[in-house]
């Protein structure tokens, strides 16, 4: 199976039809219509133009940053996550 993002790009290319036909075809193929449509709506909102030859950039995953505070206790170095 493809990712919801990949299917959304196919939807924008016209490969999955429109309206109820799209919903039925995506559901029958095992995809979550609501999740795919949410991505389609966001891509359109962000200015993606189907057929422009320029796919919208796939969103970067969010990275978690962790800060460490290094302290010494009786000569032992301790890293504390803050």
N, C-alpha and C. Protein backbone atom coordinates (compact mmCIF):
# COMPACT_ATOMS: atom_id res chain seq x y z
N UNK A 1 0.84 -1.19 0.00
CA UNK A 1 0.00 0.00 0.00
C UNK A 1 0.88 1.25 0.00
N UNK A 2 0.35 2.28 -0.57
CA UNK A 2 1.05 3.55 -0.62
C UNK A 2 0.70 4.37 0.62
N UNK A 3 1.49 5.41 0.88
CA UNK A 3 1.19 6.30 2.00
C UNK A 3 0.02 7.20 1.64
N UNK A 4 -0.60 7.77 2.67
CA UNK A 4 -1.71 8.71 2.42
C UNK A 4 -1.23 9.88 1.58
N UNK A 5 0.01 10.32 1.81
CA UNK A 5 0.56 11.44 1.04
C UNK A 5 0.68 11.07 -0.44
N UNK A 6 1.17 9.88 -0.72
CA UNK A 6 1.30 9.43 -2.11
C UNK A 6 -0.07 9.36 -2.78
N UNK A 7 -1.05 8.84 -2.06
CA UNK A 7 -2.41 8.76 -2.62
C UNK A 7 -2.97 10.16 -2.83
N UNK A 8 -2.71 11.08 -1.90
CA UNK A 8 -3.18 12.45 -2.05
C UNK A 8 -2.61 13.08 -3.32
N UNK A 9 -1.35 12.81 -3.61
CA UNK A 9 -0.75 13.33 -4.84
C UNK A 9 -1.43 12.73 -6.07
N UNK A 10 -1.80 11.45 -5.99
CA UNK A 10 -2.54 10.82 -7.09
C UNK A 10 -3.93 11.43 -7.23
N UNK A 11 -4.57 11.73 -6.10
CA UNK A 11 -5.89 12.38 -6.13
C UNK A 11 -5.77 13.71 -6.87
N UNK A 12 -4.73 14.48 -6.52
CA UNK A 12 -4.55 15.78 -7.17
C UNK A 12 -4.22 15.65 -8.65
N UNK A 13 -3.72 14.50 -9.05
CA UNK A 13 -3.45 14.25 -10.48
C UNK A 13 -4.68 13.73 -11.20
N UNK A 14 -5.75 13.51 -10.45
CA UNK A 14 -7.01 13.07 -11.06
C UNK A 14 -7.18 11.57 -11.20
N UNK A 15 -6.33 10.80 -10.52
CA UNK A 15 -6.38 9.35 -10.69
C UNK A 15 -7.47 8.66 -9.87
N UNK A 16 -8.09 9.36 -8.94
CA UNK A 16 -9.07 8.72 -8.06
C UNK A 16 -10.48 9.30 -8.18
N UNK A 17 -10.75 10.07 -9.21
CA UNK A 17 -12.09 10.60 -9.41
C UNK A 17 -12.41 11.76 -8.48
N UNK A 18 -13.70 12.05 -8.36
CA UNK A 18 -14.17 13.17 -7.54
C UNK A 18 -15.36 12.75 -6.70
N UNK A 19 -15.60 13.53 -5.65
CA UNK A 19 -16.80 13.36 -4.84
C UNK A 19 -16.97 11.96 -4.28
N UNK A 20 -18.21 11.47 -4.37
CA UNK A 20 -18.55 10.16 -3.80
C UNK A 20 -17.79 9.04 -4.51
N UNK A 21 -17.56 9.20 -5.81
CA UNK A 21 -16.79 8.20 -6.55
C UNK A 21 -15.39 8.06 -5.94
N UNK A 22 -14.73 9.17 -5.62
CA UNK A 22 -13.41 9.13 -5.00
C UNK A 22 -13.47 8.44 -3.65
N UNK A 23 -14.45 8.83 -2.84
CA UNK A 23 -14.61 8.22 -1.51
C UNK A 23 -14.77 6.70 -1.62
N UNK A 24 -15.65 6.28 -2.53
CA UNK A 24 -15.92 4.85 -2.70
C UNK A 24 -14.67 4.10 -3.18
N UNK A 25 -13.97 4.66 -4.16
CA UNK A 25 -12.79 3.99 -4.71
C UNK A 25 -11.66 3.90 -3.70
N UNK A 26 -11.42 4.98 -2.95
CA UNK A 26 -10.36 4.96 -1.94
C UNK A 26 -10.68 3.97 -0.83
N UNK A 27 -11.94 3.97 -0.38
CA UNK A 27 -12.35 3.06 0.69
C UNK A 27 -12.25 1.61 0.23
N UNK A 28 -12.71 1.35 -0.98
CA UNK A 28 -12.65 -0.02 -1.51
C UNK A 28 -11.20 -0.50 -1.64
N UNK A 29 -10.29 0.43 -1.94
CA UNK A 29 -8.87 0.07 -2.09
C UNK A 29 -8.16 -0.04 -0.74
N UNK A 30 -8.90 0.25 0.35
CA UNK A 30 -8.32 0.09 1.68
C UNK A 30 -7.69 1.34 2.26
N UNK A 31 -7.92 2.49 1.64
CA UNK A 31 -7.35 3.75 2.14
C UNK A 31 -8.37 4.50 2.99
N UNK A 32 -7.86 5.34 3.88
CA UNK A 32 -8.69 6.16 4.75
C UNK A 32 -9.02 7.45 4.00
N UNK A 33 -10.25 7.55 3.51
CA UNK A 33 -10.65 8.71 2.71
C UNK A 33 -10.42 10.02 3.45
N UNK A 34 -10.82 10.08 4.71
CA UNK A 34 -10.72 11.32 5.46
C UNK A 34 -9.27 11.76 5.60
N UNK A 35 -8.35 10.83 5.88
CA UNK A 35 -6.94 11.17 6.03
C UNK A 35 -6.35 11.69 4.71
N UNK A 36 -6.70 11.00 3.61
CA UNK A 36 -6.19 11.42 2.31
C UNK A 36 -6.76 12.78 1.93
N UNK A 37 -8.05 12.98 2.14
CA UNK A 37 -8.68 14.24 1.77
C UNK A 37 -8.12 15.39 2.59
N UNK A 38 -7.80 15.14 3.84
CA UNK A 38 -7.20 16.18 4.69
C UNK A 38 -5.86 16.64 4.10
N UNK A 39 -5.06 15.70 3.61
CA UNK A 39 -3.78 16.05 2.99
C UNK A 39 -4.02 16.82 1.69
N UNK A 40 -4.99 16.36 0.89
CA UNK A 40 -5.32 17.05 -0.36
C UNK A 40 -5.71 18.49 -0.06
N UNK A 41 -6.58 18.68 0.91
CA UNK A 41 -7.04 20.03 1.26
C UNK A 41 -5.87 20.91 1.71
N UNK A 42 -4.96 20.35 2.50
CA UNK A 42 -3.82 21.13 2.98
C UNK A 42 -2.88 21.49 1.84
N UNK A 43 -2.64 20.56 0.92
CA UNK A 43 -1.78 20.86 -0.23
C UNK A 43 -2.37 21.98 -1.08
N UNK A 44 -3.67 21.92 -1.32
CA UNK A 44 -4.33 22.97 -2.10
C UNK A 44 -4.25 24.30 -1.35
N UNK A 45 -4.50 24.27 -0.06
CA UNK A 45 -4.42 25.49 0.76
C UNK A 45 -3.02 26.09 0.72
N UNK A 46 -1.99 25.22 0.69
CA UNK A 46 -0.60 25.69 0.66
C UNK A 46 -0.14 26.14 -0.72
N UNK A 47 -1.03 26.03 -1.72
CA UNK A 47 -0.73 26.56 -3.04
C UNK A 47 -0.28 25.55 -4.07
N UNK A 48 -0.38 24.26 -3.76
CA UNK A 48 -0.01 23.25 -4.76
C UNK A 48 -0.97 23.33 -5.93
N UNK A 49 -0.41 23.34 -7.13
CA UNK A 49 -1.23 23.40 -8.33
C UNK A 49 -1.04 22.08 -9.08
N UNK A 50 -2.09 21.25 -9.16
CA UNK A 50 -1.97 19.98 -9.88
C UNK A 50 -1.53 20.20 -11.31
N UNK A 51 -0.64 19.34 -11.78
CA UNK A 51 -0.18 19.43 -13.16
C UNK A 51 0.90 20.46 -13.40
N UNK A 52 1.37 21.11 -12.34
CA UNK A 52 2.41 22.13 -12.51
C UNK A 52 3.78 21.51 -12.72
N UNK A 53 3.88 20.20 -12.44
CA UNK A 53 5.17 19.54 -12.55
C UNK A 53 6.01 19.71 -11.31
N UNK A 54 5.52 20.48 -10.38
CA UNK A 54 6.25 20.72 -9.13
C UNK A 54 5.44 20.18 -7.97
N UNK A 55 5.73 18.95 -7.54
CA UNK A 55 5.00 18.44 -6.38
C UNK A 55 5.33 19.23 -5.13
N UNK A 56 4.36 19.35 -4.27
CA UNK A 56 4.60 20.02 -2.99
C UNK A 56 5.59 19.19 -2.20
N UNK A 57 6.43 19.86 -1.46
CA UNK A 57 7.43 19.15 -0.66
C UNK A 57 6.74 18.34 0.42
N UNK A 58 7.21 17.12 0.59
CA UNK A 58 6.66 16.29 1.67
C UNK A 58 7.07 16.92 2.99
N UNK A 59 6.15 17.02 3.93
CA UNK A 59 6.49 17.69 5.18
C UNK A 59 7.63 16.99 5.92
N UNK A 60 8.49 17.82 6.50
CA UNK A 60 9.60 17.30 7.30
C UNK A 60 9.05 16.75 8.60
N UNK A 61 9.57 15.62 9.05
CA UNK A 61 9.13 15.13 10.36
C UNK A 61 9.63 16.06 11.46
N UNK A 62 8.82 16.18 12.48
CA UNK A 62 9.22 17.03 13.60
C UNK A 62 10.30 16.31 14.41
N UNK A 63 11.32 17.07 14.77
CA UNK A 63 12.40 16.51 15.56
C UNK A 63 12.29 16.99 16.99
N UNK A 64 12.55 16.09 17.90
CA UNK A 64 12.53 16.45 19.31
C UNK A 64 13.95 16.83 19.72
N UNK A 65 14.09 17.97 20.36
CA UNK A 65 15.40 18.37 20.85
C UNK A 65 15.46 18.13 22.35
N UNK A 66 16.60 17.71 22.80
CA UNK A 66 16.78 17.41 24.21
C UNK A 66 18.00 18.18 24.69
N UNK A 67 17.86 18.87 25.80
CA UNK A 67 18.98 19.58 26.40
C UNK A 67 19.49 18.79 27.59
N UNK A 68 20.79 18.77 27.74
CA UNK A 68 21.41 18.08 28.86
C UNK A 68 22.10 19.09 29.76
N UNK A 69 22.03 18.87 31.04
CA UNK A 69 22.75 19.67 32.02
C UNK A 69 23.73 18.71 32.70
N UNK A 70 25.01 18.95 32.51
CA UNK A 70 26.03 18.06 33.08
C UNK A 70 26.47 18.62 34.43
N UNK A 71 26.38 17.76 35.44
CA UNK A 71 26.82 18.15 36.77
C UNK A 71 27.71 17.05 37.33
N UNK A 72 28.55 17.43 38.29
CA UNK A 72 29.42 16.44 38.91
C UNK A 72 28.97 16.22 40.34
N UNK A 73 28.94 14.96 40.73
CA UNK A 73 28.58 14.59 42.09
C UNK A 73 29.64 13.62 42.58
N UNK A 74 30.42 14.06 43.55
CA UNK A 74 31.50 13.25 44.11
C UNK A 74 32.39 12.67 43.01
N UNK A 75 32.73 13.53 42.03
CA UNK A 75 33.65 13.13 40.96
C UNK A 75 33.02 12.35 39.84
N UNK A 76 31.73 12.07 39.91
CA UNK A 76 31.04 11.33 38.85
C UNK A 76 30.25 12.33 38.03
N UNK A 77 30.43 12.28 36.70
CA UNK A 77 29.71 13.18 35.83
C UNK A 77 28.31 12.63 35.58
N UNK A 78 27.31 13.46 35.79
CA UNK A 78 25.92 13.06 35.64
C UNK A 78 25.27 13.96 34.58
N UNK A 79 24.61 13.35 33.58
CA UNK A 79 23.86 14.11 32.59
C UNK A 79 22.39 14.08 32.97
N UNK A 80 21.82 15.25 33.12
CA UNK A 80 20.42 15.38 33.49
C UNK A 80 19.66 15.94 32.29
N UNK A 81 18.61 15.25 31.88
CA UNK A 81 17.79 15.74 30.77
C UNK A 81 16.86 16.81 31.33
N UNK A 82 16.92 17.99 30.71
CA UNK A 82 16.04 19.10 31.15
C UNK A 82 15.13 19.52 30.03
